[in-house]
Each structure stands twice: as C-alpha cells, then as structure tokens.
Amino acid sequence: LAGTHFVPHYAVLQPRGVMPGGAALFAETSDGAEELCTLMEGDSFEVLDIIGAWAWGCLSLEGPVGYVHLDRLEPLA
C-alpha cells in the first residue's frame, strides 16, 4: 500500500506463532476489555506494534485486529 497511501511511517509485519493453549484477542490493552476472539495454537499472528506486555496486530490482512498478551506469542522459525 506504500505506493498508494501516505502515512508518517510504515510498519513491517512481525509474524509470531500462538503458543499452546491459544490466546485471547482483546479490543484494548486490558484483561477486562472485550474479547474479540480466541486465537488457536499454531495460528500466525502478525504483530505491528508492541506496547508493554501487549502485542497489537492482526490474524490476517482481513483481520481481526486487536491486542494479545505478548507472552502468548513466540517467534516463528
């Protein structure tokens, strides 16, 4: 999209794997936030930003988009 949309900076997706037991995808960086869905073990989660103990990103380019506890993700080999 860089050729068609201008933004101050572009983020490179950082694919991470969802750890065993899965992970909740939240609407905000709070355990009390709305849970959008549950990511399944082995899913690839595309991290766009890290905010403290939270990763913000998407399950795929079509979404859903939200926040996951960083400790529920691992780098893909």
N, C-alpha and C. Protein backbone atom coordinates (compact mmCIF):
# COMPACT_ATOMS: atom_id res chain seq x y z
N LEU A 1 0.80 -1.20 0.00
CA LEU A 1 0.00 0.00 0.00
C LEU A 1 0.84 1.27 0.00
N ALA A 2 2.15 1.13 0.22
CA ALA A 2 3.02 2.31 0.30
C ALA A 2 2.95 3.14 -0.98
N GLY A 3 2.70 2.53 -2.11
CA GLY A 3 2.62 3.26 -3.37
C GLY A 3 1.34 4.05 -3.54
N THR A 4 0.31 3.75 -2.73
CA THR A 4 -0.97 4.43 -2.90
C THR A 4 -1.43 5.21 -1.67
N HIS A 5 -0.84 4.94 -0.50
CA HIS A 5 -1.27 5.61 0.74
C HIS A 5 -0.06 6.21 1.44
N PHE A 6 -0.19 7.46 1.88
CA PHE A 6 0.89 8.10 2.63
C PHE A 6 0.57 8.05 4.12
N VAL A 7 1.51 7.60 4.91
CA VAL A 7 1.43 7.66 6.38
C VAL A 7 2.81 8.07 6.88
N PRO A 8 2.90 8.59 8.11
CA PRO A 8 4.20 9.04 8.62
C PRO A 8 5.27 7.95 8.63
N HIS A 9 4.86 6.71 8.87
CA HIS A 9 5.81 5.59 8.81
C HIS A 9 5.04 4.30 8.52
N TYR A 10 5.75 3.33 8.05
CA TYR A 10 5.16 2.05 7.70
C TYR A 10 5.70 0.99 8.64
N ALA A 11 4.85 0.10 9.08
CA ALA A 11 5.27 -0.98 9.97
C ALA A 11 5.48 -2.25 9.17
N VAL A 12 6.52 -2.97 9.50
CA VAL A 12 6.77 -4.27 8.89
C VAL A 12 6.15 -5.33 9.79
N LEU A 13 5.33 -6.17 9.21
CA LEU A 13 4.70 -7.24 9.99
C LEU A 13 5.75 -8.16 10.58
N GLN A 14 5.56 -8.54 11.83
CA GLN A 14 6.42 -9.48 12.52
C GLN A 14 5.59 -10.71 12.85
N PRO A 15 5.63 -11.75 12.01
CA PRO A 15 4.81 -12.93 12.29
C PRO A 15 5.27 -13.64 13.55
N ARG A 16 4.31 -13.98 14.39
CA ARG A 16 4.55 -14.74 15.62
C ARG A 16 3.56 -15.89 15.65
N GLY A 17 3.95 -16.98 16.28
CA GLY A 17 3.06 -18.12 16.44
C GLY A 17 2.34 -18.06 17.77
N VAL A 18 1.09 -18.46 17.78
CA VAL A 18 0.32 -18.53 19.02
C VAL A 18 0.75 -19.78 19.78
N MET A 19 1.07 -19.62 21.05
CA MET A 19 1.61 -20.70 21.88
C MET A 19 0.52 -21.72 22.23
N PRO A 20 0.94 -22.90 22.69
CA PRO A 20 -0.04 -23.92 23.11
C PRO A 20 -1.04 -23.36 24.12
N GLY A 21 -2.28 -23.73 23.95
CA GLY A 21 -3.34 -23.24 24.81
C GLY A 21 -4.09 -22.07 24.20
N GLY A 22 -3.57 -21.52 23.08
CA GLY A 22 -4.24 -20.41 22.39
C GLY A 22 -4.03 -19.09 23.11
N ALA A 23 -4.73 -18.07 22.64
CA ALA A 23 -4.61 -16.73 23.21
C ALA A 23 -5.87 -15.94 22.90
N ALA A 24 -6.26 -15.11 23.86
CA ALA A 24 -7.41 -14.23 23.64
C ALA A 24 -6.95 -13.00 22.87
N LEU A 25 -7.78 -12.55 21.95
CA LEU A 25 -7.56 -11.31 21.21
C LEU A 25 -8.51 -10.27 21.79
N PHE A 26 -7.95 -9.20 22.36
CA PHE A 26 -8.74 -8.19 23.05
C PHE A 26 -8.86 -6.91 22.22
N ALA A 27 -9.92 -6.14 22.49
CA ALA A 27 -10.15 -4.87 21.80
C ALA A 27 -9.23 -3.78 22.34
N GLU A 28 -8.75 -3.92 23.59
CA GLU A 28 -7.88 -2.93 24.23
C GLU A 28 -6.84 -3.65 25.07
N THR A 29 -5.86 -2.91 25.57
CA THR A 29 -4.79 -3.49 26.38
C THR A 29 -5.22 -3.63 27.84
N SER A 30 -6.22 -4.47 28.06
CA SER A 30 -6.73 -4.72 29.40
C SER A 30 -7.37 -6.11 29.42
N ASP A 31 -7.10 -6.86 30.48
CA ASP A 31 -7.74 -8.17 30.60
C ASP A 31 -9.25 -8.06 30.72
N GLY A 32 -9.75 -6.90 31.15
CA GLY A 32 -11.18 -6.68 31.26
C GLY A 32 -11.82 -6.17 29.98
N ALA A 33 -11.01 -5.96 28.94
CA ALA A 33 -11.53 -5.46 27.66
C ALA A 33 -12.35 -6.53 26.96
N GLU A 34 -13.11 -6.09 25.98
CA GLU A 34 -13.91 -7.02 25.17
C GLU A 34 -12.99 -8.03 24.49
N GLU A 35 -13.33 -9.31 24.63
CA GLU A 35 -12.57 -10.36 23.94
C GLU A 35 -13.18 -10.55 22.56
N LEU A 36 -12.38 -10.27 21.53
CA LEU A 36 -12.88 -10.33 20.15
C LEU A 36 -12.97 -11.76 19.63
N CYS A 37 -11.99 -12.57 19.98
CA CYS A 37 -11.99 -13.97 19.57
C CYS A 37 -10.85 -14.69 20.29
N THR A 38 -10.77 -15.98 20.09
CA THR A 38 -9.67 -16.76 20.64
C THR A 38 -8.79 -17.23 19.48
N LEU A 39 -7.51 -16.92 19.56
CA LEU A 39 -6.56 -17.40 18.56
C LEU A 39 -6.17 -18.82 18.93
N MET A 40 -6.06 -19.67 17.95
CA MET A 40 -5.77 -21.07 18.19
C MET A 40 -4.26 -21.33 18.18
N GLU A 41 -3.85 -22.33 18.94
CA GLU A 41 -2.45 -22.75 18.95
C GLU A 41 -1.95 -22.95 17.53
N GLY A 42 -0.80 -22.37 17.23
CA GLY A 42 -0.20 -22.52 15.91
C GLY A 42 -0.61 -21.47 14.90
N ASP A 43 -1.67 -20.68 15.21
CA ASP A 43 -2.04 -19.59 14.31
C ASP A 43 -0.87 -18.64 14.16
N SER A 44 -0.78 -17.99 13.02
CA SER A 44 0.22 -16.96 12.80
C SER A 44 -0.43 -15.61 13.07
N PHE A 45 0.10 -14.86 14.04
CA PHE A 45 -0.41 -13.54 14.39
C PHE A 45 0.60 -12.51 13.91
N GLU A 46 0.15 -11.56 13.12
CA GLU A 46 1.02 -10.55 12.51
C GLU A 46 1.14 -9.34 13.44
N VAL A 47 2.26 -9.23 14.15
CA VAL A 47 2.47 -8.15 15.11
C VAL A 47 2.89 -6.88 14.36
N LEU A 48 2.20 -5.78 14.67
CA LEU A 48 2.51 -4.48 14.09
C LEU A 48 3.15 -3.54 15.10
N ASP A 49 2.87 -3.75 16.39
CA ASP A 49 3.41 -2.88 17.43
C ASP A 49 3.41 -3.64 18.75
N ILE A 50 4.35 -3.28 19.62
CA ILE A 50 4.42 -3.86 20.96
C ILE A 50 4.29 -2.71 21.95
N ILE A 51 3.33 -2.85 22.86
CA ILE A 51 3.04 -1.83 23.86
C ILE A 51 3.14 -2.50 25.22
N GLY A 52 4.28 -2.36 25.88
CA GLY A 52 4.49 -3.01 27.17
C GLY A 52 4.41 -4.52 27.02
N ALA A 53 3.46 -5.15 27.72
CA ALA A 53 3.30 -6.60 27.69
C ALA A 53 2.29 -7.05 26.64
N TRP A 54 1.91 -6.15 25.75
CA TRP A 54 0.88 -6.44 24.74
C TRP A 54 1.43 -6.31 23.33
N ALA A 55 0.93 -7.16 22.44
CA ALA A 55 1.24 -7.07 21.02
C ALA A 55 -0.04 -6.64 20.31
N TRP A 56 0.08 -5.64 19.44
CA TRP A 56 -1.05 -5.21 18.63
C TRP A 56 -0.83 -5.69 17.21
N GLY A 57 -1.84 -6.29 16.62
CA GLY A 57 -1.69 -6.78 15.26
C GLY A 57 -2.96 -7.44 14.77
N CYS A 58 -2.77 -8.33 13.78
CA CYS A 58 -3.93 -8.96 13.15
C CYS A 58 -3.66 -10.44 12.88
N LEU A 59 -4.74 -11.18 12.80
CA LEU A 59 -4.66 -12.60 12.50
C LEU A 59 -4.33 -12.79 11.02
N SER A 60 -4.87 -11.92 10.18
CA SER A 60 -4.59 -11.94 8.75
C SER A 60 -4.79 -10.52 8.23
N LEU A 61 -4.52 -10.30 6.97
CA LEU A 61 -4.70 -8.96 6.41
C LEU A 61 -6.17 -8.53 6.43
N GLU A 62 -7.08 -9.48 6.53
CA GLU A 62 -8.50 -9.17 6.61
C GLU A 62 -8.97 -9.01 8.05
N GLY A 63 -8.11 -9.29 9.02
CA GLY A 63 -8.48 -9.16 10.42
C GLY A 63 -8.76 -10.49 11.06
N PRO A 64 -9.20 -10.53 12.23
CA PRO A 64 -9.48 -9.42 13.12
C PRO A 64 -8.21 -8.76 13.64
N VAL A 65 -8.36 -7.54 14.13
CA VAL A 65 -7.25 -6.75 14.66
C VAL A 65 -7.48 -6.54 16.16
N GLY A 66 -6.41 -6.65 16.94
CA GLY A 66 -6.56 -6.42 18.37
C GLY A 66 -5.26 -6.64 19.11
N TYR A 67 -5.38 -6.82 20.42
CA TYR A 67 -4.24 -6.94 21.32
C TYR A 67 -4.17 -8.34 21.92
N VAL A 68 -2.95 -8.86 22.01
CA VAL A 68 -2.69 -10.19 22.58
C VAL A 68 -1.58 -10.03 23.61
N HIS A 69 -1.68 -10.77 24.71
CA HIS A 69 -0.57 -10.80 25.66
C HIS A 69 0.67 -11.29 24.92
N LEU A 70 1.74 -10.53 25.01
CA LEU A 70 2.98 -10.87 24.31
C LEU A 70 3.53 -12.23 24.71
N ASP A 71 3.30 -12.64 25.97
CA ASP A 71 3.82 -13.92 26.43
C ASP A 71 3.05 -15.12 25.87
N ARG A 72 1.99 -14.86 25.08
CA ARG A 72 1.23 -15.94 24.42
C ARG A 72 1.69 -16.15 22.98
N LEU A 73 2.73 -15.40 22.57
CA LEU A 73 3.25 -15.49 21.20
C LEU A 73 4.71 -15.86 21.22
N GLU A 74 5.14 -16.55 20.17
CA GLU A 74 6.54 -16.91 20.03
C GLU A 74 6.99 -16.64 18.60
N PRO A 75 8.27 -16.30 18.41
CA PRO A 75 8.77 -16.08 17.05
C PRO A 75 8.60 -17.34 16.19
N LEU A 76 8.28 -17.15 14.93
CA LEU A 76 8.18 -18.28 14.01
C LEU A 76 9.57 -18.64 13.51
N ALA A 77 9.82 -19.92 13.39
CA ALA A 77 11.13 -20.39 12.91
C ALA A 77 11.29 -20.18 11.43
